[in-house]
Amino acid sequence: MCSSDLIRVAADDTTQAMFNVGTGAAGVAGLGAGVGVLSVANNARASAGGTLAAGGAITVSSNLSETIDQRSYAFEGGIVGLGASVSVMNVRSTSQAFLADGTIVDKAASVAINAVTSERLTAKSLGAQVGAVAGGASFSRVRVSNDGVTDTYAGIGKNARVGTGVGTEIGRAHV
């Protein structure tokens, strides 16, 4: 049990990334491909458990911030100029804040549980081919998916008790 002024549990995950892939080819036959596949799985997770008591606030928060730019280039030239540019990004990140299963909150001026996710994801592909016979293709895909898991979650676990005991005092609760 902790009866200090406040209890604060926080998880912050900030990612800023730039991923560049490219190819260039010249000659009688300029052939090439720029292929970039990027997988991201960050996890900002904050939890509190046990028996908790505070004179002030109990706060559990997670903040996930991702800014990811991916670029793929393909430039080919020759009598035959063939190329491809592919940019694929798979994102499986999570932001979770919660009171654990079985947690007991005996006293607090307030209980706040917050989970925030902010994602700025960019995938670009660019290709240019020149020649008597020239051809090319460009493809970009961003997939944000987390099969079986909630990407952003704020909650209270199973069998948790918040201000339910005799003599317990909770000012306000926000999830």
N, C-alpha and C. Protein backbone atom coordinates (compact mmCIF):
# COMPACT_ATOMS: atom_id res chain seq x y z
N MET A 1 0.85 -1.17 0.00
CA MET A 1 0.00 0.00 0.00
C MET A 1 0.90 1.23 0.00
N CYS A 2 0.51 2.23 -0.77
CA CYS A 2 1.25 3.48 -0.83
C CYS A 2 0.29 4.61 -0.55
N SER A 3 0.55 5.44 0.45
CA SER A 3 -0.37 6.53 0.79
C SER A 3 0.30 7.89 0.65
N SER A 4 1.18 8.02 -0.32
CA SER A 4 1.82 9.31 -0.56
C SER A 4 0.82 10.26 -1.22
N ASP A 5 1.28 11.44 -1.59
CA ASP A 5 0.40 12.44 -2.18
C ASP A 5 -0.23 11.98 -3.49
N LEU A 6 0.58 11.35 -4.33
CA LEU A 6 0.04 10.90 -5.62
C LEU A 6 0.78 9.67 -6.09
N ILE A 7 0.13 8.97 -7.00
CA ILE A 7 0.76 7.81 -7.66
C ILE A 7 0.63 8.06 -9.15
N ARG A 8 1.76 8.02 -9.84
CA ARG A 8 1.75 8.27 -11.28
C ARG A 8 2.60 7.19 -11.97
N VAL A 9 1.97 6.50 -12.91
CA VAL A 9 2.67 5.51 -13.73
C VAL A 9 2.50 5.96 -15.18
N ALA A 10 3.62 6.15 -15.89
CA ALA A 10 3.54 6.65 -17.26
C ALA A 10 4.49 5.89 -18.16
N ALA A 11 4.02 5.63 -19.37
CA ALA A 11 4.87 5.03 -20.41
C ALA A 11 4.78 5.93 -21.64
N ASP A 12 5.93 6.38 -22.11
CA ASP A 12 5.98 7.23 -23.30
C ASP A 12 6.93 6.59 -24.31
N ASP A 13 6.46 6.44 -25.54
CA ASP A 13 7.29 5.89 -26.61
C ASP A 13 7.17 6.81 -27.81
N THR A 14 8.27 7.42 -28.18
CA THR A 14 8.29 8.33 -29.33
C THR A 14 9.27 7.79 -30.35
N THR A 15 8.80 7.61 -31.57
CA THR A 15 9.64 7.12 -32.66
C THR A 15 9.56 8.09 -33.83
N GLN A 16 10.72 8.49 -34.31
CA GLN A 16 10.82 9.27 -35.55
C GLN A 16 11.83 8.56 -36.43
N ALA A 17 11.39 8.15 -37.61
CA ALA A 17 12.29 7.39 -38.48
C ALA A 17 12.06 7.75 -39.94
N MET A 18 13.15 7.71 -40.70
CA MET A 18 13.08 7.86 -42.15
C MET A 18 13.85 6.69 -42.75
N PHE A 19 13.22 5.98 -43.66
CA PHE A 19 13.78 4.77 -44.26
C PHE A 19 13.78 4.97 -45.77
N ASN A 20 14.97 5.03 -46.38
CA ASN A 20 15.11 5.24 -47.82
C ASN A 20 15.76 4.03 -48.47
N VAL A 21 15.20 3.59 -49.60
CA VAL A 21 15.73 2.49 -50.38
C VAL A 21 15.70 2.92 -51.84
N GLY A 22 16.77 2.59 -52.59
CA GLY A 22 16.74 2.98 -53.99
C GLY A 22 17.72 2.21 -54.84
N THR A 23 17.52 2.35 -56.13
CA THR A 23 18.41 1.73 -57.10
C THR A 23 18.53 2.64 -58.31
N GLY A 24 19.65 2.52 -58.97
CA GLY A 24 19.87 3.24 -60.23
C GLY A 24 20.71 2.36 -61.14
N ALA A 25 20.35 2.30 -62.40
CA ALA A 25 21.10 1.47 -63.35
C ALA A 25 21.11 2.13 -64.71
N ALA A 26 22.25 2.04 -65.39
CA ALA A 26 22.37 2.58 -66.74
C ALA A 26 23.28 1.66 -67.54
N GLY A 27 23.04 1.60 -68.82
CA GLY A 27 23.84 0.76 -69.70
C GLY A 27 23.00 0.29 -70.87
N VAL A 28 23.50 -0.72 -71.57
CA VAL A 28 22.72 -1.27 -72.68
C VAL A 28 21.36 -1.70 -72.15
N ALA A 29 21.39 -2.42 -71.02
CA ALA A 29 20.15 -2.80 -70.34
C ALA A 29 20.23 -2.27 -68.91
N GLY A 30 19.43 -1.26 -68.63
CA GLY A 30 19.36 -0.70 -67.27
C GLY A 30 18.22 -1.36 -66.53
N LEU A 31 18.54 -2.30 -65.66
CA LEU A 31 17.53 -3.06 -64.93
C LEU A 31 17.73 -2.87 -63.42
N GLY A 32 16.64 -2.71 -62.68
CA GLY A 32 16.80 -2.57 -61.24
C GLY A 32 15.48 -2.50 -60.51
N ALA A 33 15.58 -2.64 -59.21
CA ALA A 33 14.40 -2.54 -58.35
C ALA A 33 14.81 -1.99 -56.99
N GLY A 34 14.03 -1.06 -56.49
CA GLY A 34 14.20 -0.54 -55.14
C GLY A 34 13.04 -1.03 -54.30
N VAL A 35 13.31 -1.93 -53.36
CA VAL A 35 12.25 -2.54 -52.56
C VAL A 35 12.54 -2.28 -51.09
N GLY A 36 11.57 -1.70 -50.40
CA GLY A 36 11.71 -1.45 -48.96
C GLY A 36 10.52 -2.02 -48.22
N VAL A 37 10.79 -2.89 -47.25
CA VAL A 37 9.74 -3.45 -46.39
C VAL A 37 10.13 -3.11 -44.95
N LEU A 38 9.29 -2.38 -44.27
CA LEU A 38 9.57 -1.93 -42.92
C LEU A 38 8.47 -2.42 -41.99
N SER A 39 8.86 -3.08 -40.90
CA SER A 39 7.90 -3.54 -39.89
C SER A 39 8.21 -2.82 -38.58
N VAL A 40 7.18 -2.27 -37.96
CA VAL A 40 7.31 -1.51 -36.72
C VAL A 40 6.35 -2.10 -35.68
N ALA A 41 6.86 -2.35 -34.48
CA ALA A 41 6.01 -2.88 -33.40
C ALA A 41 6.47 -2.28 -32.07
N ASN A 42 6.10 -1.03 -31.83
CA ASN A 42 6.43 -0.37 -30.57
C ASN A 42 5.31 -0.62 -29.56
N ASN A 43 5.63 -0.53 -28.26
CA ASN A 43 4.65 -0.79 -27.23
C ASN A 43 4.87 0.16 -26.06
N ALA A 44 3.92 1.08 -25.86
CA ALA A 44 3.92 1.94 -24.67
C ALA A 44 2.88 1.34 -23.73
N ARG A 45 3.33 0.80 -22.59
CA ARG A 45 2.42 0.09 -21.69
C ARG A 45 2.67 0.54 -20.25
N ALA A 46 1.62 1.06 -19.60
CA ALA A 46 1.71 1.48 -18.20
C ALA A 46 0.61 0.76 -17.43
N SER A 47 0.98 0.20 -16.29
CA SER A 47 -0.02 -0.47 -15.46
C SER A 47 0.32 -0.28 -13.98
N ALA A 48 -0.70 -0.33 -13.16
CA ALA A 48 -0.54 -0.27 -11.71
C ALA A 48 -1.34 -1.42 -11.12
N GLY A 49 -0.82 -2.02 -10.06
CA GLY A 49 -1.52 -3.14 -9.45
C GLY A 49 -1.27 -3.21 -7.96
N GLY A 50 -1.92 -4.14 -7.32
CA GLY A 50 -1.79 -4.29 -5.87
C GLY A 50 -2.85 -3.48 -5.16
N THR A 51 -2.55 -3.05 -3.93
CA THR A 51 -3.46 -2.20 -3.16
C THR A 51 -2.89 -0.80 -3.17
N LEU A 52 -3.69 0.15 -3.67
CA LEU A 52 -3.23 1.52 -3.85
C LEU A 52 -4.05 2.49 -3.01
N ALA A 53 -3.38 3.49 -2.43
CA ALA A 53 -4.04 4.57 -1.71
C ALA A 53 -3.19 5.81 -1.88
N ALA A 54 -3.84 6.94 -2.17
CA ALA A 54 -3.11 8.19 -2.36
C ALA A 54 -3.94 9.34 -1.82
N GLY A 55 -3.26 10.33 -1.26
CA GLY A 55 -3.94 11.53 -0.80
C GLY A 55 -4.37 12.39 -1.97
N GLY A 56 -3.65 12.28 -3.08
CA GLY A 56 -3.98 13.03 -4.30
C GLY A 56 -4.46 12.09 -5.39
N ALA A 57 -3.96 12.31 -6.59
CA ALA A 57 -4.43 11.58 -7.77
C ALA A 57 -3.64 10.29 -7.98
N ILE A 58 -4.34 9.31 -8.54
CA ILE A 58 -3.70 8.11 -9.09
C ILE A 58 -3.87 8.22 -10.61
N THR A 59 -2.75 8.26 -11.32
CA THR A 59 -2.79 8.42 -12.78
C THR A 59 -1.98 7.33 -13.43
N VAL A 60 -2.58 6.66 -14.41
CA VAL A 60 -1.89 5.66 -15.22
C VAL A 60 -2.07 6.10 -16.66
N SER A 61 -0.95 6.34 -17.37
CA SER A 61 -1.08 6.86 -18.73
C SER A 61 -0.02 6.28 -19.66
N SER A 62 -0.42 6.12 -20.91
CA SER A 62 0.52 5.70 -21.95
C SER A 62 0.36 6.63 -23.14
N ASN A 63 1.49 6.92 -23.77
CA ASN A 63 1.49 7.81 -24.93
C ASN A 63 2.43 7.23 -25.98
N LEU A 64 1.87 6.91 -27.13
CA LEU A 64 2.66 6.38 -28.25
C LEU A 64 2.59 7.39 -29.38
N SER A 65 3.76 7.84 -29.83
CA SER A 65 3.84 8.80 -30.93
C SER A 65 4.82 8.27 -31.96
N GLU A 66 4.34 8.09 -33.19
CA GLU A 66 5.18 7.57 -34.27
C GLU A 66 5.08 8.48 -35.49
N THR A 67 6.24 8.88 -35.98
CA THR A 67 6.33 9.61 -37.25
C THR A 67 7.33 8.83 -38.10
N ILE A 68 6.83 8.17 -39.11
CA ILE A 68 7.67 7.29 -39.92
C ILE A 68 7.45 7.61 -41.40
N ASP A 69 8.55 7.90 -42.09
CA ASP A 69 8.53 8.16 -43.53
C ASP A 69 9.37 7.11 -44.21
N GLN A 70 8.79 6.45 -45.19
CA GLN A 70 9.51 5.44 -45.97
C GLN A 70 9.42 5.82 -47.44
N ARG A 71 10.57 5.77 -48.12
CA ARG A 71 10.63 6.12 -49.54
C ARG A 71 11.42 5.09 -50.31
N SER A 72 10.92 4.78 -51.50
CA SER A 72 11.58 3.82 -52.37
C SER A 72 11.73 4.44 -53.76
N TYR A 73 12.94 4.32 -54.34
CA TYR A 73 13.24 4.94 -55.64
C TYR A 73 13.80 3.90 -56.60
N ALA A 74 13.50 4.09 -57.89
CA ALA A 74 14.09 3.24 -58.93
C ALA A 74 14.26 4.09 -60.20
N PHE A 75 15.53 4.23 -60.66
CA PHE A 75 15.83 5.01 -61.86
C PHE A 75 16.73 4.17 -62.77
N GLU A 76 16.24 3.86 -63.96
CA GLU A 76 16.99 3.03 -64.89
C GLU A 76 16.95 3.65 -66.28
N GLY A 77 18.05 3.44 -67.03
CA GLY A 77 18.09 3.94 -68.40
C GLY A 77 19.04 3.12 -69.26
N GLY A 78 18.73 3.04 -70.53
CA GLY A 78 19.55 2.29 -71.48
C GLY A 78 18.73 2.00 -72.72
N ILE A 79 19.27 1.16 -73.60
CA ILE A 79 18.46 0.76 -74.73
C ILE A 79 17.19 0.10 -74.19
N VAL A 80 17.38 -0.70 -73.15
CA VAL A 80 16.25 -1.26 -72.41
C VAL A 80 16.34 -0.72 -70.98
N GLY A 81 15.29 -0.07 -70.54
CA GLY A 81 15.24 0.47 -69.17
C GLY A 81 14.03 -0.08 -68.43
N LEU A 82 14.26 -0.98 -67.50
CA LEU A 82 13.17 -1.59 -66.75
C LEU A 82 13.44 -1.45 -65.25
N GLY A 83 12.40 -1.09 -64.50
CA GLY A 83 12.61 -0.93 -63.07
C GLY A 83 11.32 -0.99 -62.28
N ALA A 84 11.49 -1.14 -61.00
CA ALA A 84 10.34 -1.16 -60.09
C ALA A 84 10.72 -0.50 -58.77
N SER A 85 9.74 0.13 -58.18
CA SER A 85 9.91 0.78 -56.88
C SER A 85 8.78 0.32 -55.98
N VAL A 86 9.13 -0.26 -54.83
CA VAL A 86 8.12 -0.82 -53.93
C VAL A 86 8.40 -0.33 -52.51
N SER A 87 7.36 0.14 -51.84
CA SER A 87 7.47 0.61 -50.46
C SER A 87 6.32 0.00 -49.66
N VAL A 88 6.64 -0.84 -48.67
CA VAL A 88 5.63 -1.51 -47.85
C VAL A 88 5.96 -1.26 -46.38
N MET A 89 4.95 -0.84 -45.62
CA MET A 89 5.14 -0.60 -44.19
C MET A 89 4.05 -1.35 -43.42
N ASN A 90 4.47 -2.15 -42.43
CA ASN A 90 3.55 -2.88 -41.55
C ASN A 90 3.74 -2.35 -40.13
N VAL A 91 2.67 -1.84 -39.54
CA VAL A 91 2.75 -1.24 -38.21
C VAL A 91 1.84 -2.03 -37.26
N ARG A 92 2.43 -2.48 -36.16
CA ARG A 92 1.70 -3.26 -35.15
C ARG A 92 1.95 -2.69 -33.74
N SER A 93 1.93 -1.42 -33.60
CA SER A 93 2.24 -0.78 -32.31
C SER A 93 1.01 -0.70 -31.42
N THR A 94 1.27 -0.62 -30.09
CA THR A 94 0.18 -0.53 -29.12
C THR A 94 0.47 0.51 -28.06
N SER A 95 -0.60 1.07 -27.51
CA SER A 95 -0.53 1.98 -26.37
C SER A 95 -1.57 1.50 -25.37
N GLN A 96 -1.12 1.11 -24.18
CA GLN A 96 -2.03 0.53 -23.19
C GLN A 96 -1.78 1.14 -21.81
N ALA A 97 -2.85 1.50 -21.13
CA ALA A 97 -2.78 2.00 -19.74
C ALA A 97 -3.93 1.35 -18.98
N PHE A 98 -3.61 0.76 -17.82
CA PHE A 98 -4.68 0.06 -17.11
C PHE A 98 -4.31 -0.21 -15.66
N LEU A 99 -5.38 -0.46 -14.87
CA LEU A 99 -5.21 -1.03 -13.54
C LEU A 99 -5.25 -2.54 -13.74
N ALA A 100 -4.29 -3.25 -13.19
CA ALA A 100 -4.16 -4.69 -13.40
C ALA A 100 -5.32 -5.46 -12.76
N ASP A 101 -5.48 -6.69 -13.18
CA ASP A 101 -6.49 -7.58 -12.61
C ASP A 101 -6.30 -7.65 -11.09
N GLY A 102 -7.40 -7.55 -10.35
CA GLY A 102 -7.36 -7.69 -8.90
C GLY A 102 -6.86 -6.48 -8.13
N THR A 103 -6.61 -5.36 -8.81
CA THR A 103 -6.14 -4.15 -8.12
C THR A 103 -7.22 -3.62 -7.17
N ILE A 104 -6.78 -3.11 -6.02
CA ILE A 104 -7.69 -2.50 -5.05
C ILE A 104 -7.25 -1.06 -4.86
N VAL A 105 -8.16 -0.12 -5.11
CA VAL A 105 -7.88 1.30 -4.87
C VAL A 105 -8.72 1.70 -3.66
N ASP A 106 -8.03 1.94 -2.54
CA ASP A 106 -8.71 2.27 -1.29
C ASP A 106 -9.03 3.76 -1.17
N LYS A 107 -8.11 4.60 -1.64
CA LYS A 107 -8.30 6.03 -1.44
C LYS A 107 -7.57 6.79 -2.53
N ALA A 108 -8.22 7.85 -3.05
CA ALA A 108 -7.59 8.75 -4.01
C ALA A 108 -8.50 9.94 -4.25
N ALA A 109 -7.90 11.11 -4.44
CA ALA A 109 -8.70 12.27 -4.81
C ALA A 109 -9.32 12.06 -6.18
N SER A 110 -8.58 11.36 -7.04
CA SER A 110 -9.10 11.01 -8.37
C SER A 110 -8.30 9.84 -8.92
N VAL A 111 -8.92 9.12 -9.85
CA VAL A 111 -8.27 8.03 -10.57
C VAL A 111 -8.45 8.33 -12.05
N ALA A 112 -7.34 8.42 -12.79
CA ALA A 112 -7.41 8.69 -14.23
C ALA A 112 -6.56 7.67 -14.97
N ILE A 113 -7.14 7.09 -16.00
CA ILE A 113 -6.44 6.12 -16.84
C ILE A 113 -6.59 6.59 -18.28
N ASN A 114 -5.45 6.87 -18.92
CA ASN A 114 -5.47 7.44 -20.28
C ASN A 114 -4.48 6.71 -21.18
N ALA A 115 -4.91 6.41 -22.39
CA ALA A 115 -4.02 5.84 -23.42
C ALA A 115 -4.20 6.66 -24.69
N VAL A 116 -3.07 7.09 -25.27
CA VAL A 116 -3.10 7.93 -26.47
C VAL A 116 -2.16 7.36 -27.52
N THR A 117 -2.62 7.35 -28.76
CA THR A 117 -1.78 6.94 -29.89
C THR A 117 -1.85 8.02 -30.95
N SER A 118 -0.69 8.43 -31.44
CA SER A 118 -0.61 9.39 -32.54
C SER A 118 0.37 8.83 -33.56
N GLU A 119 -0.13 8.57 -34.77
CA GLU A 119 0.73 8.00 -35.81
C GLU A 119 0.65 8.86 -37.07
N ARG A 120 1.81 9.19 -37.61
CA ARG A 120 1.92 9.85 -38.91
C ARG A 120 2.81 8.95 -39.75
N LEU A 121 2.19 8.22 -40.67
CA LEU A 121 2.90 7.22 -41.46
C LEU A 121 2.82 7.61 -42.94
N THR A 122 3.98 7.62 -43.61
CA THR A 122 4.03 7.98 -45.02
C THR A 122 4.88 6.97 -45.76
N ALA A 123 4.33 6.44 -46.85
CA ALA A 123 5.08 5.53 -47.72
C ALA A 123 4.98 6.07 -49.15
N LYS A 124 6.13 6.27 -49.79
CA LYS A 124 6.16 6.80 -51.15
C LYS A 124 7.06 5.94 -52.00
N SER A 125 6.66 5.78 -53.24
CA SER A 125 7.53 5.10 -54.21
C SER A 125 7.57 5.94 -55.48
N LEU A 126 8.76 6.01 -56.07
CA LEU A 126 8.96 6.84 -57.26
C LEU A 126 9.89 6.09 -58.21
N GLY A 127 9.50 6.05 -59.47
CA GLY A 127 10.34 5.37 -60.45
C GLY A 127 10.33 6.12 -61.77
N ALA A 128 11.46 6.05 -62.46
CA ALA A 128 11.57 6.65 -63.80
C ALA A 128 12.49 5.75 -64.63
N GLN A 129 12.03 5.38 -65.81
CA GLN A 129 12.80 4.54 -66.71
C GLN A 129 12.79 5.17 -68.10
N VAL A 130 13.96 5.15 -68.75
CA VAL A 130 14.06 5.69 -70.11
C VAL A 130 14.81 4.70 -70.99
N GLY A 131 14.45 4.68 -72.28
CA GLY A 131 15.12 3.80 -73.22
C GLY A 131 14.24 3.54 -74.42
N ALA A 132 14.79 2.86 -75.42
CA ALA A 132 14.01 2.48 -76.58
C ALA A 132 12.86 1.56 -76.13
N VAL A 133 13.18 0.69 -75.20
CA VAL A 133 12.16 -0.14 -74.56
C VAL A 133 12.25 0.20 -73.07
N ALA A 134 11.19 0.82 -72.54
CA ALA A 134 11.21 1.24 -71.14
C ALA A 134 9.91 0.86 -70.45
N GLY A 135 10.03 0.45 -69.21
CA GLY A 135 8.84 0.12 -68.43
C GLY A 135 9.16 0.13 -66.96
N GLY A 136 8.16 0.43 -66.18
CA GLY A 136 8.38 0.45 -64.75
C GLY A 136 7.09 0.39 -63.98
N ALA A 137 7.22 0.14 -62.70
CA ALA A 137 6.07 0.09 -61.82
C ALA A 137 6.45 0.65 -60.46
N SER A 138 5.49 1.31 -59.81
CA SER A 138 5.68 1.81 -58.45
C SER A 138 4.49 1.38 -57.62
N PHE A 139 4.78 0.99 -56.36
CA PHE A 139 3.74 0.49 -55.48
C PHE A 139 4.06 0.89 -54.05
N SER A 140 3.06 1.40 -53.32
CA SER A 140 3.21 1.73 -51.90
C SER A 140 2.03 1.17 -51.12
N ARG A 141 2.33 0.67 -49.90
CA ARG A 141 1.26 0.17 -49.03
C ARG A 141 1.64 0.40 -47.58
N VAL A 142 0.68 0.90 -46.81
CA VAL A 142 0.83 1.02 -45.36
C VAL A 142 -0.28 0.18 -44.74
N ARG A 143 0.11 -0.72 -43.85
CA ARG A 143 -0.87 -1.59 -43.18
C ARG A 143 -0.70 -1.40 -41.67
N VAL A 144 -1.78 -0.96 -41.02
CA VAL A 144 -1.80 -0.81 -39.57
C VAL A 144 -2.77 -1.85 -39.05
N SER A 145 -2.24 -2.86 -38.38
CA SER A 145 -3.08 -3.97 -37.92
C SER A 145 -2.41 -4.67 -36.76
N ASN A 146 -3.21 -5.12 -35.86
CA ASN A 146 -2.71 -5.83 -34.69
C ASN A 146 -3.70 -6.92 -34.34
N ASP A 147 -3.68 -7.98 -35.09
CA ASP A 147 -4.66 -9.05 -34.93
C ASP A 147 -4.75 -9.53 -33.48
N GLY A 148 -5.96 -9.49 -32.93
CA GLY A 148 -6.21 -10.01 -31.59
C GLY A 148 -5.82 -9.09 -30.45
N VAL A 149 -5.29 -7.90 -30.75
CA VAL A 149 -4.87 -6.96 -29.69
C VAL A 149 -5.49 -5.59 -29.99
N THR A 150 -5.97 -4.93 -28.95
CA THR A 150 -6.48 -3.58 -29.11
C THR A 150 -5.29 -2.63 -29.23
N ASP A 151 -5.24 -1.86 -30.30
CA ASP A 151 -4.11 -0.97 -30.54
C ASP A 151 -3.96 0.11 -29.46
N THR A 152 -5.07 0.72 -29.07
CA THR A 152 -5.05 1.73 -28.01
C THR A 152 -6.09 1.32 -26.97
N TYR A 153 -5.63 1.11 -25.72
CA TYR A 153 -6.52 0.58 -24.69
C TYR A 153 -6.28 1.29 -23.36
N ALA A 154 -7.36 1.74 -22.73
CA ALA A 154 -7.33 2.26 -21.36
C ALA A 154 -8.43 1.52 -20.61
N GLY A 155 -8.11 0.92 -19.47
CA GLY A 155 -9.15 0.16 -18.79
C GLY A 155 -8.80 -0.27 -17.39
N ILE A 156 -9.74 -0.98 -16.81
CA ILE A 156 -9.60 -1.53 -15.46
C ILE A 156 -9.74 -3.04 -15.58
N GLY A 157 -8.78 -3.76 -15.01
CA GLY A 157 -8.73 -5.22 -15.12
C GLY A 157 -9.86 -5.93 -14.38
N LYS A 158 -9.92 -7.22 -14.62
CA LYS A 158 -10.93 -8.09 -14.00
C LYS A 158 -10.76 -8.08 -12.48
N ASN A 159 -11.88 -8.12 -11.80
CA ASN A 159 -11.92 -8.21 -10.33
C ASN A 159 -11.21 -7.07 -9.62
N ALA A 160 -11.00 -5.96 -10.31
CA ALA A 160 -10.42 -4.78 -9.66
C ALA A 160 -11.52 -4.07 -8.87
N ARG A 161 -11.14 -3.46 -7.76
CA ARG A 161 -12.11 -2.74 -6.93
C ARG A 161 -11.61 -1.32 -6.72
N VAL A 162 -12.44 -0.38 -7.10
CA VAL A 162 -12.10 1.04 -6.96
C VAL A 162 -13.12 1.68 -6.05
N GLY A 163 -12.71 1.98 -4.82
CA GLY A 163 -13.59 2.65 -3.86
C GLY A 163 -14.79 1.85 -3.42
N THR A 164 -14.66 0.54 -3.32
CA THR A 164 -15.82 -0.28 -2.95
C THR A 164 -15.80 -0.75 -1.50
N GLY A 165 -14.70 -0.54 -0.81
CA GLY A 165 -14.59 -1.02 0.58
C GLY A 165 -15.21 -0.05 1.58
N VAL A 166 -15.42 -0.51 2.80
CA VAL A 166 -15.94 0.33 3.87
C VAL A 166 -14.90 1.38 4.20
N GLY A 167 -15.31 2.64 4.23
CA GLY A 167 -14.40 3.73 4.58
C GLY A 167 -13.50 4.15 3.44
N THR A 168 -13.70 3.64 2.24
CA THR A 168 -12.87 4.07 1.11
C THR A 168 -13.43 5.35 0.53
N GLU A 169 -12.56 6.12 -0.09
CA GLU A 169 -12.96 7.43 -0.59
C GLU A 169 -12.27 7.69 -1.93
N ILE A 170 -13.09 7.85 -2.97
CA ILE A 170 -12.56 8.18 -4.30
C ILE A 170 -13.28 9.44 -4.75
N GLY A 171 -12.51 10.49 -5.07
CA GLY A 171 -13.12 11.75 -5.50
C GLY A 171 -13.83 11.60 -6.84
N ARG A 172 -13.09 11.20 -7.89
CA ARG A 172 -13.69 10.99 -9.22
C ARG A 172 -12.81 10.01 -9.98
N ALA A 173 -13.40 9.38 -10.97
CA ALA A 173 -12.67 8.43 -11.79
C ALA A 173 -12.89 8.74 -13.26
N HIS A 174 -11.83 8.60 -14.06
CA HIS A 174 -11.90 8.85 -15.51
C HIS A 174 -11.07 7.80 -16.22
N VAL A 175 -11.72 7.09 -17.14
CA VAL A 175 -11.02 6.12 -17.97
C VAL A 175 -11.23 6.52 -19.41
